Structures are given as structure tokens and as C-alpha cells.
PDB file of N, CA and C in Angstrom:
ATOM      1  N   UNK A   1       5.014  26.738  13.345  1.00  0.00           N
ATOM      2  CA  UNK A   1       6.095  27.401  12.947  1.00  0.00           C
ATOM      3  C   UNK A   1       5.986  28.808  12.582  1.00  0.00           C
ATOM      4  N   UNK A   2       6.937  29.542  13.266  1.00  0.00           N
ATOM      5  CA  UNK A   2       6.814  31.209  13.471  1.00  0.00           C
ATOM      6  C   UNK A   2       7.086  31.454  11.420  1.00  0.00           C
ATOM      7  N   UNK A   3       6.811  32.348  10.737  1.00  0.00           N
ATOM      8  CA  UNK A   3       7.173  32.811   9.900  1.00  0.00           C
ATOM      9  C   UNK A   3       8.533  33.368   9.693  1.00  0.00           C
ATOM     10  N   UNK A   4       9.112  33.989   8.217  1.00  0.00           N
ATOM     11  CA  UNK A   4       9.921  34.716   8.698  1.00  0.00           C
ATOM     12  C   UNK A   4       9.841  35.880   7.674  1.00  0.00           C
ATOM     13  N   UNK A   5       9.724  37.163   8.071  1.00  0.00           N
ATOM     14  CA  UNK A   5       9.046  38.300   7.566  1.00  0.00           C
ATOM     15  C   UNK A   5      10.498  38.880   7.040  1.00  0.00           C
ATOM     16  N   UNK A   6      10.748  39.040   5.548  1.00  0.00           N
ATOM     17  CA  UNK A   6      11.513  39.986   4.799  1.00  0.00           C
ATOM     18  C   UNK A   6      11.173  41.235   4.924  1.00  0.00           C
ATOM     19  N   UNK A   7      12.171  42.082   4.658  1.00  0.00           N
ATOM     20  CA  UNK A   7      12.561  43.726   3.702  1.00  0.00           C
ATOM     21  C   UNK A   7      13.278  43.389   2.591  1.00  0.00           C
ATOM     22  N   UNK A   8      12.929  44.119   1.348  1.00  0.00           N
ATOM     23  CA  UNK A   8      13.175  43.784   0.285  1.00  0.00           C
ATOM     24  C   UNK A   8      13.683  45.130  -0.301  1.00  0.00           C
ATOM     25  N   UNK A   9      14.528  45.516  -0.441  1.00  0.00           N
ATOM     26  CA  UNK A   9      14.562  47.141  -1.027  1.00  0.00           C
ATOM     27  C   UNK A   9      15.212  46.154  -2.826  1.00  0.00           C
ATOM     28  N   UNK A  10      14.137  46.738  -3.413  1.00  0.00           N
ATOM     29  CA  UNK A  10      14.083  46.902  -4.876  1.00  0.00           C
ATOM     30  C   UNK A  10      14.406  48.327  -6.205  1.00  0.00           C
ATOM     31  N   UNK A  11      15.501  48.084  -6.661  1.00  0.00           N
ATOM     32  CA  UNK A  11      15.741  49.567  -7.298  1.00  0.00           C
ATOM     33  C   UNK A  11      15.899  49.422  -8.645  1.00  0.00           C
ATOM     34  N   UNK A  12      14.364  50.092  -9.156  1.00  0.00           N
ATOM     35  CA  UNK A  12      14.415  50.023 -10.838  1.00  0.00           C
ATOM     36  C   UNK A  12      15.787  50.344 -11.666  1.00  0.00           C
ATOM     37  N   UNK A  13      15.359  49.884 -12.822  1.00  0.00           N
ATOM     38  CA  UNK A  13      16.590  50.251 -13.565  1.00  0.00           C
ATOM     39  C   UNK A  13      15.436  51.510 -14.328  1.00  0.00           C
ATOM     40  N   UNK A  14      16.526  52.430 -14.680  1.00  0.00           N
ATOM     41  CA  UNK A  14      15.994  53.539 -15.673  1.00  0.00           C
ATOM     42  C   UNK A  14      14.849  53.202 -16.661  1.00  0.00           C
ATOM     43  N   UNK A  15      14.332  53.700 -16.352  1.00  0.00           N
ATOM     44  CA  UNK A  15      12.471  53.479 -17.296  1.00  0.00           C
ATOM     45  C   UNK A  15      11.716  52.572 -17.041  1.00  0.00           C
ATOM     46  N   UNK A  16      12.246  51.868 -15.598  1.00  0.00           N
ATOM     47  CA  UNK A  16      11.522  50.262 -15.883  1.00  0.00           C
ATOM     48  C   UNK A  16      10.384  50.840 -14.391  1.00  0.00           C
ATOM     49  N   UNK A  17      10.592  51.652 -14.142  1.00  0.00           N
ATOM     50  CA  UNK A  17       9.811  51.838 -12.646  1.00  0.00           C
ATOM     51  C   UNK A  17       8.509  51.390 -11.985  1.00  0.00           C
ATOM     52  N   UNK A  18       7.439  51.396 -13.565  1.00  0.00           N
ATOM     53  CA  UNK A  18       5.992  51.333 -13.710  1.00  0.00           C
ATOM     54  C   UNK A  18       6.285  49.405 -13.430  1.00  0.00           C
ATOM     55  N   UNK A  19       7.002  49.291 -14.444  1.00  0.00           N
ATOM     56  CA  UNK A  19       6.929  47.531 -14.796  1.00  0.00           C
ATOM     57  C   UNK A  19       7.321  47.109 -13.220  1.00  0.00           C
ATOM     58  N   UNK A  20       8.443  47.653 -12.333  1.00  0.00           N
ATOM     59  CA  UNK A  20       8.110  46.846 -11.656  1.00  0.00           C
ATOM     60  C   UNK A  20       7.431  46.853 -10.077  1.00  0.00           C
ATOM     61  N   UNK A  21       6.571  48.352 -10.191  1.00  0.00           N
ATOM     62  CA  UNK A  21       6.006  48.085  -9.157  1.00  0.00           C
ATOM     63  C   UNK A  21       4.821  46.906  -9.476  1.00  0.00           C
ATOM     64  N   UNK A  22       4.384  46.583 -10.486  1.00  0.00           N
ATOM     65  CA  UNK A  22       3.350  45.898 -11.054  1.00  0.00           C
ATOM     66  C   UNK A  22       3.857  44.570 -10.709  1.00  0.00           C
ATOM     67  N   UNK A  23       5.282  44.211 -10.838  1.00  0.00           N
ATOM     68  CA  UNK A  23       5.874  42.844 -10.158  1.00  0.00           C
ATOM     69  C   UNK A  23       5.892  42.581  -8.944  1.00  0.00           C
ATOM     70  N   UNK A  24       6.264  43.715  -8.354  1.00  0.00           N
ATOM     71  CA  UNK A  24       6.404  43.832  -6.819  1.00  0.00           C
ATOM     72  C   UNK A  24       4.705  43.499  -6.221  1.00  0.00           C
ATOM     73  N   UNK A  25       3.800  44.140  -6.884  1.00  0.00           N
ATOM     74  CA  UNK A  25       2.339  44.627  -6.446  1.00  0.00           C
ATOM     75  C   UNK A  25       1.780  42.503  -6.676  1.00  0.00           C
ATOM     76  N   UNK A  26       2.281  41.821  -7.957  1.00  0.00           N
ATOM     77  CA  UNK A  26       2.230  40.606  -7.874  1.00  0.00           C
ATOM     78  C   UNK A  26       3.011  39.830  -7.362  1.00  0.00           C
ATOM     79  N   UNK A  27       4.187  40.133  -6.533  1.00  0.00           N
ATOM     80  CA  UNK A  27       4.942  38.808  -6.005  1.00  0.00           C
ATOM     81  C   UNK A  27       3.964  37.922  -5.299  1.00  0.00           C
ATOM     82  N   UNK A  28       3.814  38.653  -4.231  1.00  0.00           N
ATOM     83  CA  UNK A  28       2.937  37.688  -2.683  1.00  0.00           C
ATOM     84  C   UNK A  28       1.726  36.750  -3.482  1.00  0.00           C
ATOM     85  N   UNK A  29       0.691  37.989  -4.459  1.00  0.00           N
ATOM     86  CA  UNK A  29      -0.049  36.501  -4.473  1.00  0.00           C
ATOM     87  C   UNK A  29       0.672  35.870  -5.090  1.00  0.00           C
ATOM     88  N   UNK A  30       1.673  35.848  -5.878  1.00  0.00           N
ATOM     89  CA  UNK A  30       2.256  34.983  -7.119  1.00  0.00           C
ATOM     90  C   UNK A  30       2.900  33.276  -5.949  1.00  0.00           C
ATOM     91  N   UNK A  31       3.475  34.025  -4.735  1.00  0.00           N
ATOM     92  CA  UNK A  31       4.025  33.265  -3.787  1.00  0.00           C
ATOM     93  C   UNK A  31       3.223  32.333  -2.817  1.00  0.00           C
ATOM     94  N   UNK A  32       2.284  33.068  -3.089  1.00  0.00           N
ATOM     95  CA  UNK A  32       0.729  32.304  -2.077  1.00  0.00           C
ATOM     96  C   UNK A  32       0.141  30.935  -2.915  1.00  0.00           C
ATOM     97  N   UNK A  33       0.044  31.721  -4.240  1.00  0.00           N
ATOM     98  CA  UNK A  33      -0.749  30.632  -5.374  1.00  0.00           C
ATOM     99  C   UNK A  33       0.268  29.095  -4.882  1.00  0.00           C
ATOM    100  N   UNK A  34       1.491  29.517  -4.695  1.00  0.00           N
ATOM    101  CA  UNK A  34       2.425  28.636  -4.792  1.00  0.00           C
ATOM    102  C   UNK A  34       2.370  27.822  -3.280  1.00  0.00           C
ATOM    103  N   UNK A  35       1.604  28.079  -1.978  1.00  0.00           N
ATOM    104  CA  UNK A  35       1.541  27.946  -0.466  1.00  0.00           C
ATOM    105  C   UNK A  35       3.425  28.468   0.218  1.00  0.00           C
ATOM    106  N   UNK A  36       3.574  29.390  -0.222  1.00  0.00           N
ATOM    107  CA  UNK A  36       4.934  29.547   0.179  1.00  0.00           C
ATOM    108  C   UNK A  36       5.149  30.987   0.987  1.00  0.00           C
ATOM    109  N   UNK A  37       4.347  31.053   0.914  1.00  0.00           N
ATOM    110  CA  UNK A  37       4.090  32.955   2.243  1.00  0.00           C
ATOM    111  C   UNK A  37       2.842  33.011   2.664  1.00  0.00           C
ATOM    112  N   UNK A  38       2.998  33.820   3.829  1.00  0.00           N
ATOM    113  CA  UNK A  38       1.957  33.228   4.999  1.00  0.00           C
ATOM    114  C   UNK A  38       0.554  34.285   4.625  1.00  0.00           C
ATOM    115  N   UNK A  39      -0.744  34.473   5.129  1.00  0.00           N
ATOM    116  CA  UNK A  39      -2.092  35.888   4.617  1.00  0.00           C
ATOM    117  C   UNK A  39      -1.056  36.964   5.139  1.00  0.00           C
ATOM    118  N   UNK A  40      -0.274  37.222   5.754  1.00  0.00           N
ATOM    119  CA  UNK A  40       0.313  38.883   6.520  1.00  0.00           C
ATOM    120  C   UNK A  40      -0.075  39.162   4.923  1.00  0.00           C
ATOM    121  N   UNK A  41      -0.747  40.454   4.685  1.00  0.00           N
ATOM    122  CA  UNK A  41      -0.497  41.419   4.023  1.00  0.00           C
ATOM    123  C   UNK A  41       0.753  42.158   3.499  1.00  0.00           C
ATOM    124  N   UNK A  42       1.277  42.341   2.357  1.00  0.00           N
ATOM    125  CA  UNK A  42       2.263  43.446   2.086  1.00  0.00           C
ATOM    126  C   UNK A  42       2.314  44.331   2.389  1.00  0.00           C
ATOM    127  N   UNK A  43       3.382  45.360   2.831  1.00  0.00           N
ATOM    128  CA  UNK A  43       3.715  46.547   3.316  1.00  0.00           C
ATOM    129  C   UNK A  43       4.506  46.794   1.504  1.00  0.00           C
ATOM    130  N   UNK A  44       4.533  47.825   0.785  1.00  0.00           N
ATOM    131  CA  UNK A  44       4.993  48.343  -0.359  1.00  0.00           C
ATOM    132  C   UNK A  44       5.006  49.768   0.623  1.00  0.00           C
ATOM    133  N   UNK A  45       6.164  49.914  -0.051  1.00  0.00           N
ATOM    134  CA  UNK A  45       6.476  51.575   0.127  1.00  0.00           C
ATOM    135  C   UNK A  45       7.710  51.971  -0.809  1.00  0.00           C
ATOM    136  N   UNK A  46       7.736  53.251  -1.173  1.00  0.00           N
ATOM    137  CA  UNK A  46       9.154  54.140  -2.133  1.00  0.00           C
ATOM    138  C   UNK A  46      10.086  54.830  -1.415  1.00  0.00           C
ATOM    139  N   UNK A  47      10.760  54.726  -1.150  1.00  0.00           N
ATOM    140  CA  UNK A  47      11.986  55.933  -1.131  1.00  0.00           C
ATOM    141  C   UNK A  47      12.053  57.016  -1.757  1.00  0.00           C
ATOM    142  N   UNK A  48      12.883  57.949  -1.079  1.00  0.00           N
ATOM    143  CA  UNK A  48      12.784  59.215  -2.078  1.00  0.00           C
ATOM    144  C   UNK A  48      13.545  59.200  -3.265  1.00  0.00           C
ATOM    145  N   UNK A  49      15.173  58.186  -3.233  1.00  0.00           N
ATOM    146  CA  UNK A  49      15.625  58.043  -4.645  1.00  0.00           C
ATOM    147  C   UNK A  49      14.037  56.773  -5.680  1.00  0.00           C
ATOM    148  N   UNK A  50      13.375  56.510  -5.329  1.00  0.00           N
ATOM    149  CA  UNK A  50      12.538  55.759  -6.095  1.00  0.00           C
ATOM    150  C   UNK A  50      12.963  54.417  -5.959  1.00  0.00           C
ATOM    151  N   UNK A  51      13.671  54.070  -4.730  1.00  0.00           N
ATOM    152  CA  UNK A  51      13.417  52.546  -3.950  1.00  0.00           C
ATOM    153  C   UNK A  51      12.337  51.858  -3.999  1.00  0.00           C
ATOM    154  N   UNK A  52      11.997  50.812  -4.005  1.00  0.00           N
ATOM    155  CA  UNK A  52      10.627  50.356  -3.641  1.00  0.00           C
ATOM    156  C   UNK A  52      10.988  49.435  -2.502  1.00  0.00           C
ATOM    157  N   UNK A  53      10.688  49.197  -1.422  1.00  0.00           N
ATOM    158  CA  UNK A  53      10.570  48.508  -0.219  1.00  0.00           C
ATOM    159  C   UNK A  53       9.113  48.035  -0.031  1.00  0.00           C
ATOM    160  N   UNK A  54       9.509  46.410  -0.123  1.00  0.00           N
ATOM    161  CA  UNK A  54       8.565  45.368   0.310  1.00  0.00           C
ATOM    162  C   UNK A  54       8.822  45.105   1.288  1.00  0.00           C
ATOM    163  N   UNK A  55       8.197  44.602   2.502  1.00  0.00           N
ATOM    164  CA  UNK A  55       8.097  43.746   3.514  1.00  0.00           C
ATOM    165  C   UNK A  55       6.813  42.530   3.828  1.00  0.00           C
ATOM    166  N   UNK A  56       7.130  41.504   3.652  1.00  0.00           N
ATOM    167  CA  UNK A  56       6.341  40.179   3.717  1.00  0.00           C
ATOM    168  C   UNK A  56       6.820  39.068   4.462  1.00  0.00           C
ATOM    169  N   UNK A  57       6.222  38.093   4.439  1.00  0.00           N
ATOM    170  CA  UNK A  57       6.048  36.936   5.444  1.00  0.00           C
ATOM    171  C   UNK A  57       6.286  35.926   4.538  1.00  0.00           C
ATOM    172  N   UNK A  58       7.373  35.054   4.747  1.00  0.00           N
ATOM    173  CA  UNK A  58       7.660  33.595   3.724  1.00  0.00           C
ATOM    174  C   UNK A  58       6.540  32.490   5.178  1.00  0.00           C
ATOM    175  N   UNK A  59       6.507  31.575   4.766  1.00  0.00           N
ATOM    176  CA  UNK A  59       5.971  30.998   5.937  1.00  0.00           C
ATOM    177  C   UNK A  59       6.898  30.286   6.690  1.00  0.00           C
ATOM    178  N   UNK A  60       8.141  29.824   6.486  1.00  0.00           N
ATOM    179  CA  UNK A  60       9.030  29.052   6.893  1.00  0.00           C
ATOM    180  C   UNK A  60      10.970  29.205   5.892  1.00  0.00           C
ATOM    181  N   UNK A  61      11.441  28.819   6.662  1.00  0.00           N
ATOM    182  CA  UNK A  61      13.114  28.617   5.968  1.00  0.00           C
ATOM    183  C   UNK A  61      12.674  27.673   4.896  1.00  0.00           C
ATOM    184  N   UNK A  62      12.079  26.474   5.224  1.00  0.00           N
ATOM    185  CA  UNK A  62      11.642  25.164   4.112  1.00  0.00           C
ATOM    186  C   UNK A  62      11.176  26.267   2.557  1.00  0.00           C
ATOM    187  N   UNK A  63      10.263  27.242   3.062  1.00  0.00           N
ATOM    188  CA  UNK A  63       9.200  27.281   1.518  1.00  0.00           C
ATOM    189  C   UNK A  63      10.236  28.791   0.935  1.00  0.00           C
ATOM    190  N   UNK A  64      11.284  29.402   1.635  1.00  0.00           N
ATOM    191  CA  UNK A  64      11.919  30.073   0.691  1.00  0.00           C
ATOM    192  C   UNK A  64      12.718  29.357   0.117  1.00  0.00           C
ATOM    193  N   UNK A  65      13.596  28.192   0.662  1.00  0.00           N
ATOM    194  CA  UNK A  65      14.293  27.140  -0.089  1.00  0.00           C
ATOM    195  C   UNK A  65      13.576  26.022  -1.233  1.00  0.00           C
ATOM    196  N   UNK A  66      12.139  26.163  -0.884  1.00  0.00           N
ATOM    197  CA  UNK A  66      11.622  25.688  -2.376  1.00  0.00           C
ATOM    198  C   UNK A  66      11.512  26.468  -3.107  1.00  0.00           C
ATOM    199  N   UNK A  67      11.204  28.008  -3.026  1.00  0.00           N
ATOM    200  CA  UNK A  67      10.992  28.854  -3.595  1.00  0.00           C
ATOM    201  C   UNK A  67      12.375  28.935  -4.926  1.00  0.00           C
ATOM    202  N   UNK A  68      13.173  28.751  -4.410  1.00  0.00           N
ATOM    203  CA  UNK A  68      14.441  28.381  -5.555  1.00  0.00           C
ATOM    204  C   UNK A  68      14.781  27.478  -5.749  1.00  0.00           C
ATOM    205  N   UNK A  69      13.624  26.595  -6.134  1.00  0.00           N
ATOM    206  CA  UNK A  69      13.691  25.539  -7.267  1.00  0.00           C
ATOM    207  C   UNK A  69      12.198  25.467  -8.190  1.00  0.00           C
ATOM    208  N   UNK A  70      11.342  26.380  -7.368  1.00  0.00           N
ATOM    209  CA  UNK A  70       9.618  26.491  -7.902  1.00  0.00           C
ATOM    210  C   UNK A  70      10.192  27.025  -9.577  1.00  0.00           C
ATOM    211  N   UNK A  71       9.631  26.280 -10.677  1.00  0.00           N
ATOM    212  CA  UNK A  71       9.746  27.224 -11.810  1.00  0.00           C
ATOM    213  C   UNK A  71       9.124  28.562 -12.022  1.00  0.00           C
ATOM    214  N   UNK A  72       7.222  28.489 -11.295  1.00  0.00           N
ATOM    215  CA  UNK A  72       6.688  29.726 -11.380  1.00  0.00           C
ATOM    216  C   UNK A  72       8.137  30.962 -10.894  1.00  0.00           C
ATOM    217  N   UNK A  73       8.107  30.382  -9.354  1.00  0.00           N
ATOM    218  CA  UNK A  73       9.015  31.975  -8.466  1.00  0.00           C
ATOM    219  C   UNK A  73      10.423  32.124  -9.340  1.00  0.00           C
ATOM    220  N   UNK A  74      11.128  31.417 -10.413  1.00  0.00           N
ATOM    221  CA  UNK A  74      12.555  31.516 -10.985  1.00  0.00           C
ATOM    222  C   UNK A  74      12.181  31.918 -11.834  1.00  0.00           C
ATOM    223  N   UNK A  75      10.744  31.871 -12.473  1.00  0.00           N
ATOM    224  CA  UNK A  75      10.478  32.860 -13.727  1.00  0.00           C
ATOM    225  C   UNK A  75       9.940  33.962 -13.520  1.00  0.00           C
ATOM    226  N   UNK A  76       9.116  34.053 -12.416  1.00  0.00           N
ATOM    227  CA  UNK A  76       8.940  35.856 -11.696  1.00  0.00           C
ATOM    228  C   UNK A  76      10.065  36.618 -11.832  1.00  0.00           C
ATOM    229  N   UNK A  77      10.990  35.721 -10.821  1.00  0.00           N
ATOM    230  CA  UNK A  77      12.311  36.327 -10.305  1.00  0.00           C
ATOM    231  C   UNK A  77      13.339  37.075 -11.641  1.00  0.00           C
ATOM    232  N   UNK A  78      13.176  36.103 -12.517  1.00  0.00           N
ATOM    233  CA  UNK A  78      13.800  36.347 -13.754  1.00  0.00           C
ATOM    234  C   UNK A  78      13.292  37.773 -14.265  1.00  0.00           C
ATOM    235  N   UNK A  79      12.034  38.039 -14.376  1.00  0.00           N
ATOM    236  CA  UNK A  79      11.396  39.336 -14.431  1.00  0.00           C
ATOM    237  C   UNK A  79      12.012  40.239 -13.724  1.00  0.00           C
ATOM    238  N   UNK A  80      11.973  40.275 -12.694  1.00  0.00           N
ATOM    239  CA  UNK A  80      12.281  41.311 -11.576  1.00  0.00           C
ATOM    240  C   UNK A  80      14.268  41.591 -11.907  1.00  0.00           C
ATOM    241  N   UNK A  81      14.632  40.603 -12.009  1.00  0.00           N
ATOM    242  CA  UNK A  81      15.896  40.873 -12.417  1.00  0.00           C
ATOM    243  C   UNK A  81      16.404  41.690 -13.723  1.00  0.00           C
ATOM    244  N   UNK A  82      15.155  41.715 -14.677  1.00  0.00           N
ATOM    245  CA  UNK A  82      15.337  42.427 -15.828  1.00  0.00           C
ATOM    246  C   UNK A  82      15.153  43.896 -15.841  1.00  0.00           C
ATOM    247  N   UNK A  83      14.763  44.313 -14.448  1.00  0.00           N
ATOM    248  CA  UNK A  83      13.727  46.294 -14.056  1.00  0.00           C
ATOM    249  C   UNK A  83      14.366  46.336 -12.982  1.00  0.00           C
ATOM    250  N   UNK A  84      15.260  45.403 -12.325  1.00  0.00           N
ATOM    251  CA  UNK A  84      15.606  46.261 -11.107  1.00  0.00           C
ATOM    252  C   UNK A  84      16.740  45.385 -10.437  1.00  0.00           C
ATOM    253  N   UNK A  85      17.154  45.716  -9.714  1.00  0.00           N
ATOM    254  CA  UNK A  85      18.845  45.523  -8.493  1.00  0.00           C
ATOM    255  C   UNK A  85      18.230  45.166  -7.172  1.00  0.00           C
ATOM    256  N   UNK A  86      18.165  44.329  -6.304  1.00  0.00           N
ATOM    257  CA  UNK A  86      17.949  43.804  -4.846  1.00  0.00           C
ATOM    258  C   UNK A  86      19.027  44.820  -4.634  1.00  0.00           C
ATOM    259  N   UNK A  87      18.919  45.653  -3.785  1.00  0.00           N
ATOM    260  CA  UNK A  87      20.117  46.014  -2.833  1.00  0.00           C
ATOM    261  C   UNK A  87      19.732  46.350  -1.536  1.00  0.00           C
ATOM    262  N   UNK A  88      21.368  46.319  -0.780  1.00  0.00           N
ATOM    263  CA  UNK A  88      20.476  45.970   0.597  1.00  0.00           C
ATOM    264  C   UNK A  88      19.968  47.097   1.480  1.00  0.00           C
ATOM    265  N   UNK A  89      19.223  47.390   1.938  1.00  0.00           N
ATOM    266  CA  UNK A  89      18.557  48.268   2.738  1.00  0.00           C
ATOM    267  C   UNK A  89      19.540  49.469   3.264  1.00  0.00           C
ATOM    268  N   UNK A  90      20.853  48.837   4.021  1.00  0.00           N
ATOM    269  CA  UNK A  90      21.457  50.276   4.407  1.00  0.00           C
ATOM    270  C   UNK A  90      21.823  51.207   3.409  1.00  0.00           C
ATOM    271  N   UNK A  91      21.406  50.854   2.037  1.00  0.00           N
ATOM    272  CA  UNK A  91      21.603  51.547   1.025  1.00  0.00           C
ATOM    273  C   UNK A  91      20.923  52.935   0.612  1.00  0.00           C
ATOM    274  N   UNK A  92      19.580  52.591   1.197  1.00  0.00           N
ATOM    275  CA  UNK A  92      18.577  53.351   1.015  1.00  0.00           C
ATOM    276  C   UNK A  92      18.866  54.830   2.060  1.00  0.00           C
ATOM    277  N   UNK A  93      18.670  56.054   1.386  1.00  0.00           N
ATOM    278  CA  UNK A  93      19.284  56.709   2.471  1.00  0.00           C
ATOM    279  C   UNK A  93      18.203  57.006   3.814  1.00  0.00           C
ATOM    280  N   UNK A  94      16.771  56.639   3.541  1.00  0.00           N
ATOM    281  CA  UNK A  94      15.839  57.358   4.692  1.00  0.00           C
ATOM    282  C   UNK A  94      16.420  56.090   5.898  1.00  0.00           C
ATOM    283  N   UNK A  95      17.029  54.829   5.308  1.00  0.00           N
ATOM    284  CA  UNK A  95      17.365  53.708   6.333  1.00  0.00           C
ATOM    285  C   UNK A  95      18.296  54.175   7.604  1.00  0.00           C
ATOM    286  N   UNK A  96      19.076  55.825   7.103  1.00  0.00           N
ATOM    287  CA  UNK A  96      20.596  55.832   8.040  1.00  0.00           C
ATOM    288  C   UNK A  96      19.917  56.598   9.153  1.00  0.00           C
ATOM    289  N   UNK A  97      18.135  57.089   9.262  1.00  0.00           N
ATOM    290  CA  UNK A  97      17.765  57.650  10.144  1.00  0.00           C
ATOM    291  C   UNK A  97      17.176  56.627  11.049  1.00  0.00           C
ATOM    292  N   UNK A  98      16.713  57.570  12.260  1.00  0.00           N
ATOM    293  CA  UNK A  98      16.088  56.586  13.261  1.00  0.00           C
ATOM    294  C   UNK A  98      14.996  56.123  13.160  1.00  0.00           C
ATOM    295  N   UNK A  99      13.791  56.826  12.281  1.00  0.00           N
ATOM    296  CA  UNK A  99      12.376  56.323  11.839  1.00  0.00           C
ATOM    297  C   UNK A  99      12.208  57.147  10.499  1.00  0.00           C
ATOM    298  N   UNK A 100      13.058  55.596   9.873  1.00  0.00           N
ATOM    299  CA  UNK A 100      12.667  55.923   8.208  1.00  0.00           C
ATOM    300  C   UNK A 100      11.175  55.982   8.171  1.00  0.00           C
ATOM    301  N   UNK A 101      11.333  57.256   7.554  1.00  0.00           N
ATOM    302  CA  UNK A 101       9.710  56.998   6.775  1.00  0.00           C
ATOM    303  C   UNK A 101       9.712  56.915   5.052  1.00  0.00           C
ATOM    304  N   UNK A 102       8.704  56.340   4.924  1.00  0.00           N
ATOM    305  CA  UNK A 102       8.784  56.411   3.585  1.00  0.00           C
ATOM    306  C   UNK A 102       7.198  56.805   2.616  1.00  0.00           C
ATOM    307  N   UNK A 103       6.960  56.726   1.809  1.00  0.00           N
ATOM    308  CA  UNK A 103       6.013  56.758   0.796  1.00  0.00           C
ATOM    309  C   UNK A 103       4.726  55.716   0.299  1.00  0.00           C
ATOM    310  N   UNK A 104       3.910  55.719   1.509  1.00  0.00           N
ATOM    311  CA  UNK A 104       3.001  54.538   1.214  1.00  0.00           C
ATOM    312  C   UNK A 104       2.409  53.555  -0.138  1.00  0.00           C
ATOM    313  N   UNK A 105       2.500  53.097  -0.657  1.00  0.00           N
ATOM    314  CA  UNK A 105       2.009  52.624  -2.282  1.00  0.00           C
ATOM    315  C   UNK A 105       0.762  51.758  -2.329  1.00  0.00           C
ATOM    316  N   UNK A 106      -0.458  52.144  -2.327  1.00  0.00           N
ATOM    317  CA  UNK A 106      -1.741  51.091  -2.079  1.00  0.00           C
ATOM    318  C   UNK A 106      -1.275  49.777  -2.682  1.00  0.00           C
ATOM    319  N   UNK A 107      -2.099  49.192  -2.340  1.00  0.00           N
ATOM    320  CA  UNK A 107      -1.542  47.269  -3.088  1.00  0.00           C
ATOM    321  C   UNK A 107      -3.273  47.384  -3.087  1.00  0.00           C
ATOM    322  N   UNK A 108      -3.130  47.346  -4.979  1.00  0.00           N
ATOM    323  CA  UNK A 108      -4.715  47.100  -5.058  1.00  0.00           C
ATOM    324  C   UNK A 108      -4.891  45.744  -4.924  1.00  0.00           C
ATOM    325  N   UNK A 109      -6.282  45.213  -4.954  1.00  0.00           N
ATOM    326  CA  UNK A 109      -7.051  43.994  -4.505  1.00  0.00           C
ATOM    327  C   UNK A 109      -6.484  43.068  -5.411  1.00  0.00           C
ATOM    328  N   UNK A 110      -5.333  42.164  -5.012  1.00  0.00           N
ATOM    329  CA  UNK A 110      -5.304  41.169  -5.667  1.00  0.00           C
ATOM    330  C   UNK A 110      -5.914  39.880  -5.365  1.00  0.00           C
ATOM    331  N   UNK A 111      -5.934  38.604  -6.404  1.00  0.00           N
ATOM    332  CA  UNK A 111      -6.124  37.101  -5.806  1.00  0.00           C
ATOM    333  C   UNK A 111      -6.083  36.827  -4.893  1.00  0.00           C
ATOM    334  N   UNK A 112      -7.061  36.757  -3.427  1.00  0.00           N
ATOM    335  CA  UNK A 112      -6.206  36.043  -2.196  1.00  0.00           C
ATOM    336  C   UNK A 112      -5.774  36.651  -1.544  1.00  0.00           C
ATOM    337  N   UNK A 113      -5.967  38.423  -2.078  1.00  0.00           N
ATOM    338  CA  UNK A 113      -5.049  39.649  -1.176  1.00  0.00           C
ATOM    339  C   UNK A 113      -6.180  40.393  -0.596  1.00  0.00           C
ATOM    340  N   UNK A 114      -6.509  41.221   0.535  1.00  0.00           N
ATOM    341  CA  UNK A 114      -7.031  42.116   0.863  1.00  0.00           C
ATOM    342  C   UNK A 114      -6.070  43.253   0.439  1.00  0.00           C
ATOM    343  N   UNK A 115      -7.010  44.751   0.002  1.00  0.00           N
ATOM    344  CA  UNK A 115      -6.221  46.121   0.033  1.00  0.00           C
ATOM    345  C   UNK A 115      -5.722  46.556   0.941  1.00  0.00           C
ATOM    346  N   UNK A 116      -4.631  47.290   0.530  1.00  0.00           N
ATOM    347  CA  UNK A 116      -4.056  48.333   2.015  1.00  0.00           C
ATOM    348  C   UNK A 116      -4.497  49.254   2.108  1.00  0.00           C
ATOM    349  N   UNK A 117      -5.620  49.943   1.153  1.00  0.00           N
ATOM    350  CA  UNK A 117      -6.008  51.484   1.489  1.00  0.00           C
ATOM    351  C   UNK A 117      -5.705  51.560   2.684  1.00  0.00           C
ATOM    352  N   UNK A 118      -5.674  52.816   3.233  1.00  0.00           N
ATOM    353  CA  UNK A 118      -5.771  53.338   4.084  1.00  0.00           C
ATOM    354  C   UNK A 118      -7.017  53.266   5.364  1.00  0.00           C
ATOM    355  N   UNK A 119      -7.177  52.979   5.957  1.00  0.00           N
ATOM    356  CA  UNK A 119      -8.749  53.234   6.658  1.00  0.00           C
ATOM    357  C   UNK A 119      -8.746  54.699   7.146  1.00  0.00           C
ATOM    358  N   UNK A 120     -10.208  54.549   6.979  1.00  0.00           N
ATOM    359  CA  UNK A 120     -10.577  56.204   6.676  1.00  0.00           C
ATOM    360  C   UNK A 120     -11.301  56.439   8.278  1.00  0.00           C
TER     361      UNK A 120
END
């Protein structure tokens, strides 16, 4: 069964940029512990307006549905919604261009995940 790749735009609430970034960095490891996402390493980036963009892969539509009933995931999402708004990707200015470019955000090593530091 193929996974489902998602792109999410998190617009931080004023003063919560650092807290949001830490939550985004911990999102996939949390979902991985619940067996809801694949082993694909997420890509995290920042738009010029400060919006954090994340690309990750759910295992399936069923996994997405299970997440909406999982107490650990729901608690994580509550933290997200206290520090950001999820916005449509089309509201990020870079999305209007043919080749949208963003600032890459390195992902520090987390349990069960390799780092996303660039290769040299």
C-alpha cells in the first residue's frame, strides 16, 4: 500500500516561532512511535514570511484516521494549535511562483530519524 505525502504550512502566532519549530521537529518522531508514518525523512523549511512548511508521509488514509482518535497525537496537535495556525499552502507567497524556494531547516537527530543535514 502506498503512503500519502502531505505538505503542511504552519504560520506561527507572534512570539511562538521557536516553540513551533521544536514542535514541528518532534511531529514525525511522535507519529512514528504510534506507527502512523513511514520511514521517509520529513523536509522542513521556512518561507520568507516565517511560515514553516513540512513535507512528510503518512502510512495510509487509515493511519490519518487513526491519528484523529489517538490521545498522544491529539495532545500534540493541541500544542500546535496554541502556537500556530495551519494555513493553505497557496497563502504562502512563494507558492505563487513556478519554482517555490524556501530556507531549509536542518532536522536534528531524533529517535528513529536520521538528520537532514546537507551532504558535503
